[in-house]
Amino acid sequence: MIIEHVETWTERLPLTRPYLIATRQVSTVDLHFVRLESRCGVLGFGCAAPTSVTSEDPDDCFAMLGSVGLDILKGQNPHRLRFLTHQLRAQCSDYPSALAALDMALYDLVARSYGISVAMMLGRPMNALPTSITIGILPLDKTLDEAREYLERGFKCLKVKLGLNYEEDIDRLRALRSLCPDHIDIRVDANQGYSIDQTRNLAIESAELRLELIEQPLKRGDEGDMDHLSKEIRQLMAADESLHGPSDALQLAVGEQFGIWNIKLMKCGGITGALAIADIAQMVGVDLMWGCMDESVISIAAALHTGYSCPKTKYIDLDGSFDLSKDVVRGGFRLSDGFLHLLDEPGLGVIVG
């Protein structure tokens, strides 16, 4: 089997629900897509979502996606998967989301050629988990309104963005905890917006608030400050911006500042990079959370397939396609009562149209 066509294109997609986080207001998203096709008509799809988190210029990312895809993949046998992913990584080291798109498209193509899902190709898939759905930084009344909507839609886990005003954050969380039944999980994400003292105070409050986890309270580079927290508190903390690729995972494994690692395919360069991080997590006993940007069903499905193949996966935060005004594909997974289920389809299970 030979890759005969490599097609790339960009879509600017408005969000149905713009949101505010500690670092920016988000109302639209530019996504880059790649489509691989073999001579026998087997397809593979990928999506890149460059953001400030990945430190990529969107135009440069798109140019890299097209040029590297043609130079490295066209004319190659995709079953040389490990060789090709190493080649891609060598060329795309500064463009992790472009790498992620090409990498997942290869996995999709190879799994489709075998007639199995990517998750099955990677291992024995685990049972479905509930995904969190995100509430941005909003006034108290709007926070509660949005929470009620998500609960009515069957979601079992809410993720609340924090980080601009600690006192207001605590007020929102207390009101939210009073609103939510006991079986509803609440996790929070400060997006690097807290000091070490605020982080400690939130951890103390977490017992009463019954918080599932606290994501990235401190700035990337300040991980050493978390050594001042107890081991019990650190186990509640999830690394996000502090964890990009496998080299970060090695450093975090030594430092033991986080009990949870949030893997995002856009940060680590796709399925191959994610599996390397997951292997390190398994060796040191760290739980895994699988997160996303605002992304297409394509890359959300890629993260889901990868996450469900890794034994340390405990948390899913894959809501990035829910608020897109449209998408280029359908399928990928099934959402039921807040749980994300894999489809019994080959590859990533996505269909154009």
Protein backbone atom coordinates (compact mmCIF):
# COMPACT_ATOMS: atom_id res chain seq x y z
CA MET A 1 0.00 0.00 0.00
CA ILE A 2 1.35 3.42 -1.03
CA ILE A 3 0.20 6.92 -0.04
CA GLU A 4 -0.70 8.59 -3.33
CA HIS A 5 -2.44 11.82 -2.28
CA VAL A 6 -1.78 14.30 0.57
CA GLU A 7 -4.38 17.06 0.79
CA THR A 8 -4.41 19.94 3.32
CA TRP A 9 -6.89 22.75 3.92
CA THR A 10 -7.99 25.25 6.59
CA GLU A 11 -11.38 26.03 8.11
CA ARG A 12 -12.21 29.04 10.31
CA LEU A 13 -15.00 27.90 12.58
CA PRO A 14 -16.97 30.19 14.90
CA LEU A 15 -17.84 28.75 18.29
CA THR A 16 -21.49 28.50 19.23
CA ARG A 17 -20.54 29.56 22.75
CA PRO A 18 -17.53 31.95 23.05
CA TYR A 19 -15.78 31.69 26.40
CA LEU A 20 -13.28 33.42 28.67
CA ILE A 21 -10.33 31.74 30.38
CA ALA A 22 -7.56 33.23 32.51
CA THR A 23 -5.40 34.03 29.48
CA ARG A 24 -7.77 35.05 26.64
CA GLN A 25 -11.26 35.34 25.12
CA VAL A 26 -12.03 32.64 22.54
CA SER A 27 -14.78 33.05 19.90
CA THR A 28 -13.42 31.42 16.71
CA VAL A 29 -10.93 28.69 15.94
CA ASP A 30 -8.72 28.08 12.90
CA LEU A 31 -8.27 24.37 12.23
CA HIS A 32 -5.98 22.78 9.65
CA PHE A 33 -6.87 19.43 8.14
CA VAL A 34 -4.97 16.70 6.32
CA ARG A 35 -6.34 13.86 4.22
CA LEU A 36 -4.17 10.94 3.14
CA GLU A 37 -5.28 8.53 0.43
CA SER A 38 -3.61 5.32 -0.65
CA ARG A 39 -3.56 4.01 -4.21
CA CYS A 40 -6.22 1.49 -3.25
CA GLY A 41 -8.52 4.23 -1.92
CA VAL A 42 -7.98 3.87 1.85
CA LEU A 43 -8.23 7.23 3.64
CA GLY A 44 -6.67 8.73 6.76
CA PHE A 45 -7.63 12.04 8.40
CA GLY A 46 -5.88 14.42 10.78
CA CYS A 47 -6.55 17.80 12.37
CA ALA A 48 -4.19 20.48 13.69
CA ALA A 49 -5.35 23.10 16.22
CA PRO A 50 -2.45 25.54 16.69
CA THR A 51 -2.86 27.89 19.67
CA SER A 52 -0.75 30.04 21.97
CA VAL A 53 -0.31 26.92 24.10
CA THR A 54 1.55 25.18 21.27
CA SER A 55 3.47 28.39 20.40
CA GLU A 56 2.73 28.03 16.69
CA ASP A 57 1.90 30.68 14.14
CA PRO A 58 -1.22 29.32 12.37
CA ASP A 59 0.01 30.20 8.87
CA ASP A 60 3.44 28.69 9.47
CA CYS A 61 1.79 25.60 10.94
CA PHE A 62 -0.33 25.15 7.82
CA ALA A 63 2.66 25.60 5.52
CA MET A 64 4.58 22.98 7.51
CA LEU A 65 1.63 20.59 7.41
CA GLY A 66 1.51 20.67 3.62
CA SER A 67 5.21 20.66 2.84
CA VAL A 68 6.19 17.94 5.30
CA GLY A 69 3.19 15.81 4.40
CA LEU A 70 4.21 15.83 0.75
CA ASP A 71 7.96 15.47 1.34
CA ILE A 72 7.79 12.61 3.87
CA LEU A 73 4.52 10.77 3.31
CA LYS A 74 3.67 10.88 -0.39
CA GLY A 75 4.86 7.73 -2.12
CA GLN A 76 5.54 5.91 1.14
CA ASN A 77 4.08 2.71 2.54
CA PRO A 78 2.12 3.79 5.66
CA HIS A 79 2.76 0.41 7.29
CA ARG A 80 6.29 1.69 7.94
CA LEU A 81 4.55 3.54 10.74
CA ARG A 82 7.35 3.86 13.28
CA PHE A 83 9.89 4.96 10.67
CA LEU A 84 7.53 7.58 9.22
CA THR A 85 6.48 9.01 12.58
CA HIS A 86 10.16 9.42 13.50
CA GLN A 87 10.75 11.22 10.20
CA LEU A 88 7.80 13.52 10.84
CA ARG A 89 8.95 14.30 14.38
CA ALA A 90 12.42 15.25 13.15
CA GLN A 91 10.95 17.76 10.68
CA CYS A 92 8.10 19.17 12.80
CA SER A 93 9.75 19.68 16.19
CA ASP A 94 8.61 23.33 16.34
CA TYR A 95 5.09 22.60 15.04
CA PRO A 96 3.53 20.04 17.39
CA SER A 97 -0.04 20.42 16.13
CA ALA A 98 1.05 19.98 12.51
CA LEU A 99 2.93 16.88 13.63
CA ALA A 100 -0.17 15.71 15.52
CA ALA A 101 -2.35 16.01 12.41
CA LEU A 102 0.04 14.05 10.18
CA ASP A 103 0.71 11.48 12.90
CA MET A 104 -2.96 10.72 13.60
CA ALA A 105 -3.75 10.60 9.87
CA LEU A 106 -1.13 7.86 9.50
CA TYR A 107 -2.60 5.83 12.36
CA ASP A 108 -6.09 6.29 10.91
CA LEU A 109 -4.91 5.13 7.47
CA VAL A 110 -3.05 2.08 8.79
CA ALA A 111 -5.88 0.96 11.08
CA ARG A 112 -8.43 1.35 8.25
CA SER A 113 -6.22 -0.78 6.01
CA TYR A 114 -6.41 -3.56 8.63
CA GLY A 115 -10.16 -3.07 9.13
CA ILE A 116 -9.78 -2.36 12.86
CA SER A 117 -10.06 0.69 15.09
CA VAL A 118 -7.01 2.69 16.14
CA ALA A 119 -7.74 1.75 19.77
CA MET A 120 -7.74 -1.95 18.87
CA MET A 121 -4.50 -1.52 16.93
CA LEU A 122 -2.89 0.10 20.00
CA GLY A 123 -4.14 -2.42 22.57
CA ARG A 124 -7.21 -3.61 24.37
CA PRO A 125 -9.64 -0.65 24.67
CA MET A 126 -11.05 0.10 28.11
CA ASN A 127 -14.68 0.80 28.92
CA ALA A 128 -16.14 4.24 28.24
CA LEU A 129 -15.49 7.08 30.70
CA PRO A 130 -17.45 10.28 31.35
CA THR A 131 -16.02 13.38 29.77
CA SER A 132 -16.06 16.68 31.57
CA ILE A 133 -17.63 19.65 29.82
CA THR A 134 -16.16 23.10 30.39
CA ILE A 135 -17.69 26.19 31.94
CA GLY A 136 -15.58 29.28 31.22
CA ILE A 137 -14.95 32.18 33.57
CA LEU A 138 -18.45 33.62 33.93
CA PRO A 139 -20.47 35.63 36.47
CA LEU A 140 -22.08 33.47 39.13
CA ASP A 141 -25.58 33.46 37.64
CA LYS A 142 -24.33 32.52 34.16
CA THR A 143 -22.11 29.80 35.65
CA LEU A 144 -25.13 28.21 37.30
CA ASP A 145 -27.29 28.61 34.19
CA GLU A 146 -24.68 26.85 32.07
CA ALA A 147 -24.27 24.12 34.68
CA ARG A 148 -28.01 23.46 34.71
CA GLU A 149 -28.00 23.15 30.93
CA TYR A 150 -25.16 20.60 30.99
CA LEU A 151 -26.78 18.58 33.75
CA GLU A 152 -30.02 18.48 31.77
CA ARG A 153 -28.02 17.20 28.78
CA GLY A 154 -26.80 14.28 30.88
CA PHE A 155 -23.20 15.28 31.65
CA LYS A 156 -21.82 13.80 34.86
CA CYS A 157 -18.68 15.93 35.20
CA LEU A 158 -18.22 19.70 35.03
CA LYS A 159 -14.88 21.44 34.54
CA VAL A 160 -14.80 25.06 35.72
CA LYS A 161 -12.27 27.60 34.50
CA LEU A 162 -10.74 29.74 37.25
CA GLY A 163 -7.75 32.02 37.70
CA LEU A 164 -8.78 35.69 37.43
CA ASN A 165 -10.14 36.36 40.93
CA TYR A 166 -9.66 33.80 43.71
CA GLU A 167 -12.51 35.02 45.96
CA GLU A 168 -14.99 35.03 43.08
CA ASP A 169 -13.77 31.59 42.05
CA ILE A 170 -14.52 30.18 45.50
CA ASP A 171 -17.97 31.77 45.54
CA ARG A 172 -18.77 30.22 42.15
CA LEU A 173 -17.54 26.80 43.25
CA ARG A 174 -19.55 26.84 46.49
CA ALA A 175 -22.71 27.79 44.62
CA LEU A 176 -22.02 25.17 41.99
CA ARG A 177 -21.44 22.45 44.56
CA SER A 178 -24.75 23.35 46.22
CA LEU A 179 -26.49 23.12 42.85
CA CYS A 180 -25.01 19.78 41.78
CA PRO A 181 -26.16 16.40 43.12
CA ASP A 182 -23.52 14.36 44.93
CA HIS A 183 -22.90 12.07 41.96
CA ILE A 184 -21.79 15.00 39.78
CA ASP A 185 -18.02 15.46 39.69
CA ILE A 186 -16.48 18.94 39.62
CA ARG A 187 -12.92 19.55 38.45
CA VAL A 188 -11.27 22.96 38.06
CA ASP A 189 -8.66 24.52 35.78
CA ALA A 190 -6.84 27.69 36.81
CA ASN A 191 -4.83 27.94 33.55
CA GLN A 192 -1.69 29.10 35.43
CA GLY A 193 -3.62 31.90 37.15
CA TYR A 194 -2.89 31.20 40.85
CA SER A 195 -0.11 31.81 43.34
CA ILE A 196 1.22 29.00 45.50
CA ASP A 197 -0.75 30.30 48.51
CA GLN A 198 -3.98 30.41 46.51
CA THR A 199 -3.26 26.90 45.27
CA ARG A 200 -2.80 25.65 48.82
CA ASN A 201 -5.99 27.38 49.97
CA LEU A 202 -8.00 25.91 47.10
CA ALA A 203 -6.69 22.46 47.92
CA ILE A 204 -7.86 22.92 51.50
CA GLU A 205 -11.28 24.06 50.25
CA SER A 206 -11.41 21.07 47.89
CA ALA A 207 -12.48 18.67 50.65
CA GLU A 208 -15.69 20.61 51.32
CA LEU A 209 -16.21 21.34 47.64
CA ARG A 210 -15.47 17.70 46.74
CA LEU A 211 -13.26 18.69 43.81
CA GLU A 212 -12.08 15.82 41.67
CA LEU A 213 -8.83 17.53 40.63
CA ILE A 214 -7.12 20.92 40.25
CA GLU A 215 -5.54 21.55 36.87
CA GLN A 216 -2.40 23.68 36.32
CA PRO A 217 -2.70 26.29 39.09
CA LEU A 218 0.85 27.69 38.66
CA LYS A 219 2.72 29.01 35.65
CA ARG A 220 4.81 26.65 33.56
CA GLY A 221 8.32 26.96 34.97
CA ASP A 222 7.12 27.36 38.57
CA GLU A 223 6.62 23.64 39.17
CA GLY A 224 9.32 23.68 41.86
CA ASP A 225 7.09 25.87 44.05
CA MET A 226 4.76 22.92 44.42
CA ASP A 227 7.40 21.18 46.50
CA HIS A 228 6.04 23.34 49.35
CA LEU A 229 2.73 21.48 49.14
CA SER A 230 2.07 18.18 50.85
CA LYS A 231 2.23 14.98 48.83
CA GLU A 232 -1.52 14.55 49.40
CA ILE A 233 -2.22 17.94 47.82
CA ARG A 234 0.15 17.29 44.90
CA GLN A 235 -1.76 14.11 44.11
CA LEU A 236 -4.81 16.29 43.45
CA MET A 237 -2.92 18.44 40.94
CA ALA A 238 -2.98 17.86 37.18
CA ALA A 239 -0.19 19.12 34.92
CA ASP A 240 -1.35 20.72 31.67
CA GLU A 241 0.79 23.61 30.41
CA SER A 242 3.71 22.07 32.34
CA LEU A 243 3.45 18.95 30.18
CA HIS A 244 4.02 19.14 26.46
CA GLY A 245 6.13 16.24 25.26
CA PRO A 246 7.92 13.18 26.66
CA SER A 247 10.90 15.25 27.85
CA ASP A 248 8.57 17.24 30.13
CA ALA A 249 7.12 13.96 31.38
CA LEU A 250 10.58 12.76 32.39
CA GLN A 251 11.20 15.95 34.37
CA LEU A 252 7.79 15.80 36.05
CA ALA A 253 8.37 12.15 36.92
CA VAL A 254 11.54 13.11 38.79
CA GLY A 255 9.95 16.14 40.51
CA GLU A 256 6.74 14.34 41.55
CA GLN A 257 4.85 17.66 41.66
CA PHE A 258 1.69 16.32 39.99
CA GLY A 259 -0.37 13.21 40.60
CA ILE A 260 -2.12 13.57 37.23
CA TRP A 261 -0.83 14.39 33.75
CA ASN A 262 -3.08 15.96 31.12
CA ILE A 263 -2.05 14.70 27.69
CA LYS A 264 -3.13 16.75 24.68
CA LEU A 265 -2.25 15.50 21.23
CA MET A 266 -1.70 19.05 20.00
CA LYS A 267 1.00 19.62 22.60
CA CYS A 268 2.88 16.34 22.26
CA GLY A 269 2.72 15.83 18.50
CA GLY A 270 -0.01 13.25 18.16
CA ILE A 271 -0.57 9.64 19.05
CA THR A 272 3.12 8.66 18.98
CA GLY A 273 4.14 11.36 21.45
CA ALA A 274 1.13 10.64 23.65
CA LEU A 275 2.02 6.96 23.89
CA ALA A 276 5.56 7.87 24.98
CA ILE A 277 4.18 10.04 27.79
CA ALA A 278 1.71 7.33 28.77
CA ASP A 279 4.52 4.77 29.03
CA ILE A 280 6.41 7.05 31.43
CA ALA A 281 3.25 7.61 33.47
CA GLN A 282 2.73 3.88 33.80
CA MET A 283 6.30 3.37 34.98
CA VAL A 284 6.03 6.00 37.74
CA GLY A 285 2.37 5.45 38.70
CA VAL A 286 0.88 8.75 37.52
CA ASP A 287 -2.78 8.88 36.46
CA LEU A 288 -3.64 10.20 33.02
CA MET A 289 -6.17 12.77 31.88
CA TRP A 290 -6.80 13.28 28.17
CA GLY A 291 -7.58 16.85 27.17
CA CYS A 292 -7.99 18.96 24.06
CA MET A 293 -8.22 22.40 22.52
CA ASP A 294 -11.21 23.49 20.42
CA GLU A 295 -10.84 20.72 17.86
CA SER A 296 -12.53 18.68 15.18
CA VAL A 297 -14.13 15.33 15.88
CA ILE A 298 -11.10 13.90 14.05
CA SER A 299 -8.52 14.80 16.69
CA ILE A 300 -10.95 14.30 19.58
CA ALA A 301 -11.47 10.75 18.34
CA ALA A 302 -7.69 10.29 18.03
CA ALA A 303 -7.22 11.31 21.67
CA LEU A 304 -10.08 9.06 22.77
CA HIS A 305 -8.74 6.01 20.94
CA THR A 306 -5.28 6.61 22.37
CA GLY A 307 -6.51 7.25 25.88
CA TYR A 308 -8.71 4.17 25.95
CA SER A 309 -5.71 2.04 25.00
CA CYS A 310 -3.59 3.22 27.99
CA PRO A 311 -4.03 1.50 31.37
CA LYS A 312 -3.29 4.64 33.46
CA THR A 313 -6.14 6.61 31.87
CA LYS A 314 -8.50 7.80 34.60
CA TYR A 315 -9.99 11.08 33.36
CA ILE A 316 -11.40 12.27 30.02
CA ASP A 317 -11.76 15.96 29.15
CA LEU A 318 -12.61 15.71 25.46
CA ASP A 319 -15.35 18.25 24.88
CA GLY A 320 -13.49 20.33 22.28
CA SER A 321 -15.78 19.54 19.34
CA PHE A 322 -19.09 20.15 21.11
CA ASP A 323 -19.18 23.92 20.56
CA LEU A 324 -17.96 24.06 16.95
CA SER A 325 -20.54 25.62 14.66
CA LYS A 326 -19.76 22.91 12.10
CA ASP A 327 -17.21 20.19 11.38
CA VAL A 328 -15.74 18.54 8.28
CA VAL A 329 -16.57 15.01 9.45
CA ARG A 330 -19.10 13.15 11.57
CA GLY A 331 -18.86 10.02 13.69
CA GLY A 332 -15.66 9.40 15.63
CA PHE A 333 -17.40 8.53 18.89
CA ARG A 334 -20.81 8.36 20.52
CA LEU A 335 -21.82 10.63 23.41
CA SER A 336 -24.36 9.03 25.77
CA ASP A 337 -25.28 10.46 29.20
CA GLY A 338 -21.93 12.22 29.36
CA PHE A 339 -19.89 9.11 28.47
CA LEU A 340 -17.76 8.91 25.31
CA HIS A 341 -18.03 5.56 23.55
CA LEU A 342 -15.84 4.32 20.71
CA LEU A 343 -17.58 3.26 17.52
CA ASP A 344 -17.24 -0.19 16.01
CA GLU A 345 -15.66 1.28 12.89
CA PRO A 346 -12.17 1.05 11.36
CA GLY A 347 -9.55 3.71 12.00
CA LEU A 348 -10.79 6.72 13.94
CA GLY A 349 -14.37 6.02 12.86
CA VAL A 350 -14.85 9.40 11.16
CA ILE A 351 -16.86 9.91 7.98
CA VAL A 352 -16.75 12.92 5.66
CA GLY A 353 -19.97 14.90 5.41
